[in-house]
Amino acid sequence: MTRPRDRRRGPSSLRPVADSLPRVLRQMGIARPVEEARALLAFEDQCGPYIRRFVRPLRLEGSSLVVTCGHPAVAHQLQMESPRLLATVNAVLERPRIARLRFVADPEIRPQGPAAAPPAPGDDPPR
């Protein structure tokens, strides 16, 4: 007597782990914290080393990413660049979620890391 074939076996039944990961994270109840961490890291990566010294992404509130800035001039500059930052950050995320950047002052932020020269006028900002 032959056994029924297991349908899960064989190359056609293999799926990439990435396909199952969102479902597993939701079932574990940690999808939102993981998504927030990815958004914070994506922002840090996309703002570049010079600006990164003056800002700290704090949290995701709905579709807004809250970012602290150590100086009002930096907040103003980032606000003007927010369409570009939003586009590059959302391109990194699997599901574009961030619709707005909200900047809050934090005078306690002091530049960290090695000093890098600011971008020259006309140069693309560092990414």
N, C-alpha and C. Protein backbone atom coordinates (compact mmCIF):
# COMPACT_ATOMS: atom_id res chain seq x y z
N MET A 1 0.84 -1.16 0.00
CA MET A 1 0.00 0.00 0.00
C MET A 1 0.89 1.23 0.00
N THR A 2 0.58 2.18 -0.82
CA THR A 2 1.38 3.40 -0.90
C THR A 2 0.78 4.48 -0.01
N ARG A 3 1.68 5.26 0.58
CA ARG A 3 1.23 6.37 1.44
C ARG A 3 0.88 7.58 0.60
N PRO A 4 -0.06 8.38 1.05
CA PRO A 4 -0.35 9.62 0.31
C PRO A 4 0.87 10.55 0.35
N ARG A 5 1.08 11.20 -0.73
CA ARG A 5 2.23 12.10 -0.82
C ARG A 5 2.05 13.33 0.04
N ASP A 6 3.08 13.70 0.75
CA ASP A 6 3.05 14.91 1.56
C ASP A 6 3.19 16.11 0.63
N ARG A 7 2.22 16.98 0.62
CA ARG A 7 2.21 18.10 -0.31
C ARG A 7 3.23 19.17 0.04
N ARG A 8 3.75 19.13 1.26
CA ARG A 8 4.71 20.15 1.66
C ARG A 8 6.12 19.85 1.18
N ARG A 9 6.35 18.69 0.66
CA ARG A 9 7.70 18.33 0.23
C ARG A 9 7.91 18.74 -1.22
N GLY A 10 9.16 18.97 -1.55
CA GLY A 10 9.52 19.27 -2.93
C GLY A 10 9.80 20.75 -3.12
N PRO A 11 10.51 21.08 -4.18
CA PRO A 11 10.91 22.46 -4.43
C PRO A 11 9.74 23.42 -4.61
N SER A 12 8.63 22.95 -5.11
CA SER A 12 7.50 23.86 -5.33
C SER A 12 6.87 24.33 -4.02
N SER A 13 7.13 23.63 -2.93
CA SER A 13 6.52 24.02 -1.66
C SER A 13 7.43 24.91 -0.82
N LEU A 14 8.66 25.11 -1.26
CA LEU A 14 9.58 25.96 -0.51
C LEU A 14 9.27 27.43 -0.77
N ARG A 15 9.24 28.20 0.32
CA ARG A 15 9.01 29.63 0.21
C ARG A 15 10.12 30.35 0.95
N PRO A 16 10.47 31.53 0.49
CA PRO A 16 11.47 32.30 1.23
C PRO A 16 10.94 32.66 2.62
N VAL A 17 11.83 32.68 3.58
CA VAL A 17 11.46 33.03 4.96
C VAL A 17 10.83 34.42 4.99
N ALA A 18 11.31 35.33 4.16
CA ALA A 18 10.80 36.70 4.14
C ALA A 18 9.30 36.74 3.84
N ASP A 19 8.80 35.75 3.10
CA ASP A 19 7.37 35.71 2.80
C ASP A 19 6.55 35.40 4.04
N SER A 20 7.09 34.64 4.96
CA SER A 20 6.37 34.24 6.16
C SER A 20 6.61 35.19 7.34
N LEU A 21 7.67 35.95 7.29
CA LEU A 21 8.05 36.77 8.43
C LEU A 21 6.98 37.77 8.89
N PRO A 22 6.35 38.54 8.00
CA PRO A 22 5.32 39.47 8.49
C PRO A 22 4.19 38.78 9.25
N ARG A 23 3.75 37.62 8.75
CA ARG A 23 2.67 36.89 9.42
C ARG A 23 3.12 36.41 10.79
N VAL A 24 4.34 35.89 10.88
CA VAL A 24 4.87 35.40 12.15
C VAL A 24 5.02 36.54 13.15
N LEU A 25 5.52 37.69 12.69
CA LEU A 25 5.67 38.84 13.59
C LEU A 25 4.31 39.31 14.12
N ARG A 26 3.30 39.32 13.24
CA ARG A 26 1.94 39.70 13.69
C ARG A 26 1.42 38.71 14.73
N GLN A 27 1.62 37.42 14.48
CA GLN A 27 1.15 36.40 15.42
C GLN A 27 1.85 36.54 16.77
N MET A 28 3.11 36.94 16.76
CA MET A 28 3.86 37.11 18.00
C MET A 28 3.54 38.44 18.69
N GLY A 29 2.84 39.31 17.99
CA GLY A 29 2.49 40.61 18.57
C GLY A 29 3.63 41.61 18.57
N ILE A 30 4.64 41.42 17.72
CA ILE A 30 5.77 42.34 17.71
C ILE A 30 5.96 43.01 16.35
N ALA A 31 4.98 42.95 15.49
CA ALA A 31 5.12 43.54 14.16
C ALA A 31 5.31 45.05 14.26
N ARG A 32 4.54 45.71 15.10
CA ARG A 32 4.64 47.18 15.22
C ARG A 32 6.00 47.62 15.76
N PRO A 33 6.53 47.05 16.85
CA PRO A 33 7.86 47.46 17.31
C PRO A 33 8.96 47.21 16.28
N VAL A 34 8.86 46.11 15.55
CA VAL A 34 9.87 45.81 14.52
C VAL A 34 9.78 46.84 13.40
N GLU A 35 8.56 47.18 13.01
CA GLU A 35 8.36 48.18 11.97
C GLU A 35 8.89 49.55 12.40
N GLU A 36 8.65 49.90 13.65
CA GLU A 36 9.15 51.18 14.17
C GLU A 36 10.67 51.21 14.19
N ALA A 37 11.30 50.13 14.61
CA ALA A 37 12.76 50.06 14.64
C ALA A 37 13.33 50.19 13.22
N ARG A 38 12.69 49.55 12.26
CA ARG A 38 13.15 49.66 10.87
C ARG A 38 13.04 51.09 10.37
N ALA A 39 11.96 51.79 10.73
CA ALA A 39 11.78 53.17 10.30
C ALA A 39 12.84 54.08 10.92
N LEU A 40 13.13 53.89 12.20
CA LEU A 40 14.14 54.71 12.87
C LEU A 40 15.52 54.49 12.24
N LEU A 41 15.86 53.25 11.99
CA LEU A 41 17.16 52.94 11.37
C LEU A 41 17.23 53.47 9.93
N ALA A 42 16.14 53.36 9.21
CA ALA A 42 16.12 53.86 7.83
C ALA A 42 16.33 55.37 7.80
N PHE A 43 15.71 56.08 8.75
CA PHE A 43 15.91 57.53 8.80
C PHE A 43 17.37 57.86 9.08
N GLU A 44 17.95 57.21 10.07
CA GLU A 44 19.36 57.47 10.40
C GLU A 44 20.26 57.20 9.20
N ASP A 45 20.01 56.13 8.50
CA ASP A 45 20.84 55.80 7.33
C ASP A 45 20.70 56.83 6.22
N GLN A 46 19.51 57.36 6.03
CA GLN A 46 19.25 58.23 4.89
C GLN A 46 19.60 59.70 5.14
N CYS A 47 19.71 60.12 6.39
CA CYS A 47 19.98 61.55 6.63
C CYS A 47 21.46 61.89 6.48
N GLY A 48 22.34 60.93 6.48
CA GLY A 48 23.75 61.19 6.23
C GLY A 48 24.54 61.44 7.50
N PRO A 49 25.86 61.26 7.43
CA PRO A 49 26.69 61.33 8.63
C PRO A 49 26.78 62.72 9.26
N TYR A 50 26.74 63.78 8.45
CA TYR A 50 26.86 65.13 9.03
C TYR A 50 25.62 65.48 9.85
N ILE A 51 24.45 65.34 9.25
CA ILE A 51 23.19 65.69 9.92
C ILE A 51 22.91 64.72 11.06
N ARG A 52 23.28 63.46 10.88
CA ARG A 52 23.02 62.44 11.91
C ARG A 52 23.60 62.84 13.27
N ARG A 53 24.63 63.63 13.27
CA ARG A 53 25.25 64.04 14.52
C ARG A 53 24.34 64.96 15.34
N PHE A 54 23.35 65.59 14.69
CA PHE A 54 22.52 66.59 15.36
C PHE A 54 21.08 66.13 15.60
N VAL A 55 20.73 64.94 15.19
CA VAL A 55 19.34 64.48 15.30
C VAL A 55 19.27 63.09 15.92
N ARG A 56 18.11 62.76 16.48
CA ARG A 56 17.82 61.42 17.00
C ARG A 56 16.37 61.09 16.64
N PRO A 57 16.16 60.06 15.84
CA PRO A 57 14.77 59.64 15.61
C PRO A 57 14.24 59.01 16.90
N LEU A 58 13.06 59.45 17.31
CA LEU A 58 12.51 59.01 18.60
C LEU A 58 11.52 57.86 18.49
N ARG A 59 10.47 58.10 17.72
CA ARG A 59 9.38 57.12 17.68
C ARG A 59 8.52 57.37 16.45
N LEU A 60 7.71 56.38 16.17
CA LEU A 60 6.73 56.45 15.10
C LEU A 60 5.37 56.67 15.77
N GLU A 61 4.70 57.76 15.43
CA GLU A 61 3.36 58.05 15.95
C GLU A 61 2.40 58.02 14.77
N GLY A 62 1.70 56.92 14.63
CA GLY A 62 0.83 56.77 13.46
C GLY A 62 1.69 56.74 12.21
N SER A 63 1.48 57.72 11.33
CA SER A 63 2.29 57.79 10.11
C SER A 63 3.32 58.92 10.18
N SER A 64 3.57 59.45 11.39
CA SER A 64 4.56 60.51 11.59
C SER A 64 5.78 59.97 12.32
N LEU A 65 6.95 60.32 11.81
CA LEU A 65 8.20 59.97 12.47
C LEU A 65 8.64 61.19 13.27
N VAL A 66 8.76 61.03 14.59
CA VAL A 66 9.17 62.12 15.47
C VAL A 66 10.68 62.08 15.62
N VAL A 67 11.31 63.23 15.34
CA VAL A 67 12.77 63.33 15.35
C VAL A 67 13.16 64.51 16.25
N THR A 68 14.12 64.28 17.17
CA THR A 68 14.62 65.38 17.98
C THR A 68 15.81 66.02 17.28
N CYS A 69 15.92 67.33 17.42
CA CYS A 69 17.01 68.09 16.81
C CYS A 69 17.68 68.92 17.89
N GLY A 70 18.99 68.98 17.82
CA GLY A 70 19.75 69.75 18.80
C GLY A 70 19.83 71.23 18.49
N HIS A 71 19.35 71.63 17.32
CA HIS A 71 19.44 73.04 16.95
C HIS A 71 18.29 73.38 16.01
N PRO A 72 17.65 74.54 16.19
CA PRO A 72 16.52 74.91 15.32
C PRO A 72 16.89 75.00 13.84
N ALA A 73 18.12 75.40 13.56
CA ALA A 73 18.53 75.49 12.15
C ALA A 73 18.53 74.12 11.48
N VAL A 74 18.93 73.11 12.23
CA VAL A 74 18.92 71.74 11.69
C VAL A 74 17.48 71.30 11.45
N ALA A 75 16.59 71.59 12.40
CA ALA A 75 15.18 71.24 12.23
C ALA A 75 14.60 71.93 11.00
N HIS A 76 14.94 73.20 10.82
CA HIS A 76 14.44 73.94 9.66
C HIS A 76 14.96 73.34 8.36
N GLN A 77 16.24 73.04 8.31
CA GLN A 77 16.83 72.44 7.12
C GLN A 77 16.18 71.10 6.80
N LEU A 78 16.00 70.26 7.81
CA LEU A 78 15.39 68.95 7.58
C LEU A 78 13.93 69.08 7.17
N GLN A 79 13.24 70.08 7.71
CA GLN A 79 11.84 70.29 7.31
C GLN A 79 11.78 70.62 5.82
N MET A 80 12.73 71.44 5.36
CA MET A 80 12.75 71.78 3.92
C MET A 80 13.11 70.56 3.08
N GLU A 81 13.91 69.65 3.62
CA GLU A 81 14.32 68.46 2.89
C GLU A 81 13.40 67.27 3.15
N SER A 82 12.34 67.47 3.90
CA SER A 82 11.50 66.33 4.30
C SER A 82 10.90 65.57 3.12
N PRO A 83 10.50 66.21 2.00
CA PRO A 83 9.98 65.39 0.89
C PRO A 83 11.03 64.38 0.38
N ARG A 84 12.29 64.81 0.26
CA ARG A 84 13.35 63.91 -0.20
C ARG A 84 13.61 62.83 0.84
N LEU A 85 13.69 63.24 2.12
CA LEU A 85 13.94 62.26 3.19
C LEU A 85 12.82 61.23 3.27
N LEU A 86 11.58 61.70 3.18
CA LEU A 86 10.44 60.78 3.22
C LEU A 86 10.50 59.78 2.07
N ALA A 87 10.82 60.28 0.88
CA ALA A 87 10.87 59.39 -0.28
C ALA A 87 11.97 58.34 -0.11
N THR A 88 13.14 58.74 0.37
CA THR A 88 14.23 57.76 0.49
C THR A 88 14.00 56.79 1.64
N VAL A 89 13.44 57.29 2.75
CA VAL A 89 13.16 56.39 3.88
C VAL A 89 12.06 55.40 3.51
N ASN A 90 11.00 55.89 2.89
CA ASN A 90 9.90 54.99 2.50
C ASN A 90 10.34 53.98 1.44
N ALA A 91 11.32 54.35 0.60
CA ALA A 91 11.82 53.41 -0.40
C ALA A 91 12.54 52.24 0.25
N VAL A 92 13.14 52.47 1.41
CA VAL A 92 13.87 51.42 2.12
C VAL A 92 12.89 50.48 2.83
N LEU A 93 11.79 51.02 3.32
CA LEU A 93 10.80 50.22 4.04
C LEU A 93 10.00 49.38 3.06
N GLU A 94 9.56 48.22 3.50
CA GLU A 94 8.76 47.35 2.63
C GLU A 94 7.43 47.99 2.28
N ARG A 95 6.80 48.56 3.29
CA ARG A 95 5.53 49.25 3.07
C ARG A 95 5.75 50.71 3.41
N PRO A 96 5.66 51.63 2.45
CA PRO A 96 5.82 53.04 2.79
C PRO A 96 4.78 53.45 3.82
N ARG A 97 5.26 53.84 4.98
CA ARG A 97 4.36 54.17 6.09
C ARG A 97 4.48 55.61 6.54
N ILE A 98 5.62 56.21 6.36
CA ILE A 98 5.85 57.52 6.95
C ILE A 98 5.33 58.59 6.00
N ALA A 99 4.36 59.38 6.47
CA ALA A 99 3.77 60.43 5.66
C ALA A 99 4.29 61.81 6.07
N ARG A 100 4.86 61.89 7.28
CA ARG A 100 5.26 63.20 7.80
C ARG A 100 6.42 63.04 8.76
N LEU A 101 7.33 64.02 8.74
CA LEU A 101 8.39 64.10 9.74
C LEU A 101 8.01 65.23 10.69
N ARG A 102 8.10 64.96 11.98
CA ARG A 102 7.81 65.99 12.99
C ARG A 102 9.07 66.19 13.81
N PHE A 103 9.53 67.43 13.84
CA PHE A 103 10.77 67.75 14.53
C PHE A 103 10.49 68.43 15.85
N VAL A 104 11.16 67.99 16.91
CA VAL A 104 11.04 68.59 18.23
C VAL A 104 12.43 68.98 18.71
N ALA A 105 12.49 70.08 19.45
CA ALA A 105 13.78 70.58 19.93
C ALA A 105 14.26 69.77 21.13
N ASP A 106 15.54 69.55 21.18
CA ASP A 106 16.19 68.91 22.32
C ASP A 106 17.58 69.53 22.45
N PRO A 107 17.69 70.61 23.25
CA PRO A 107 18.98 71.29 23.37
C PRO A 107 20.07 70.44 24.00
N GLU A 108 19.70 69.30 24.57
CA GLU A 108 20.69 68.42 25.19
C GLU A 108 21.49 67.62 24.16
N ILE A 109 21.00 67.57 22.93
CA ILE A 109 21.72 66.82 21.89
C ILE A 109 22.98 67.59 21.53
N ARG A 110 24.07 66.94 21.68
CA ARG A 110 25.37 67.49 21.29
C ARG A 110 25.88 66.65 20.12
N PRO A 111 26.55 67.28 19.19
CA PRO A 111 27.07 66.50 18.07
C PRO A 111 27.90 65.32 18.56
N GLN A 112 27.64 64.16 17.98
CA GLN A 112 28.39 62.96 18.33
C GLN A 112 29.12 62.46 17.10
N GLY A 113 30.15 61.72 17.32
CA GLY A 113 30.89 61.12 16.22
C GLY A 113 31.89 62.10 15.65
N PRO A 114 32.67 61.64 14.69
CA PRO A 114 33.69 62.49 14.10
C PRO A 114 33.06 63.63 13.33
N ALA A 115 33.68 64.79 13.41
CA ALA A 115 33.19 65.95 12.68
C ALA A 115 33.43 65.74 11.19
N ALA A 116 32.41 65.93 10.44
CA ALA A 116 32.53 65.84 8.99
C ALA A 116 32.21 67.21 8.43
N ALA A 117 32.80 67.54 7.34
CA ALA A 117 32.53 68.83 6.73
C ALA A 117 31.11 68.85 6.19
N PRO A 118 30.43 69.99 6.34
CA PRO A 118 29.09 70.08 5.77
C PRO A 118 29.18 70.02 4.24
N PRO A 119 28.11 69.60 3.58
CA PRO A 119 28.15 69.53 2.13
C PRO A 119 28.35 70.92 1.52
N ALA A 120 29.12 70.98 0.47
CA ALA A 120 29.34 72.24 -0.23
C ALA A 120 28.07 72.63 -0.97
N PRO A 121 27.84 73.95 -1.13
CA PRO A 121 26.65 74.37 -1.89
C PRO A 121 26.63 73.73 -3.28
N GLY A 122 25.50 73.21 -3.65
CA GLY A 122 25.37 72.57 -4.95
C GLY A 122 25.68 71.08 -4.95
N ASP A 123 26.33 70.60 -3.90
CA ASP A 123 26.62 69.18 -3.80
C ASP A 123 25.38 68.46 -3.29
N ASP A 124 25.25 67.21 -3.67
CA ASP A 124 24.17 66.40 -3.12
C ASP A 124 24.45 66.18 -1.64
N PRO A 125 23.41 66.29 -0.79
CA PRO A 125 23.64 66.00 0.63
C PRO A 125 24.05 64.55 0.82
N PRO A 126 24.86 64.27 1.84
CA PRO A 126 25.28 62.88 2.09
C PRO A 126 24.09 62.01 2.42
N ARG A 127 24.18 60.75 2.02
CA ARG A 127 23.09 59.80 2.31
C ARG A 127 23.64 58.62 3.02
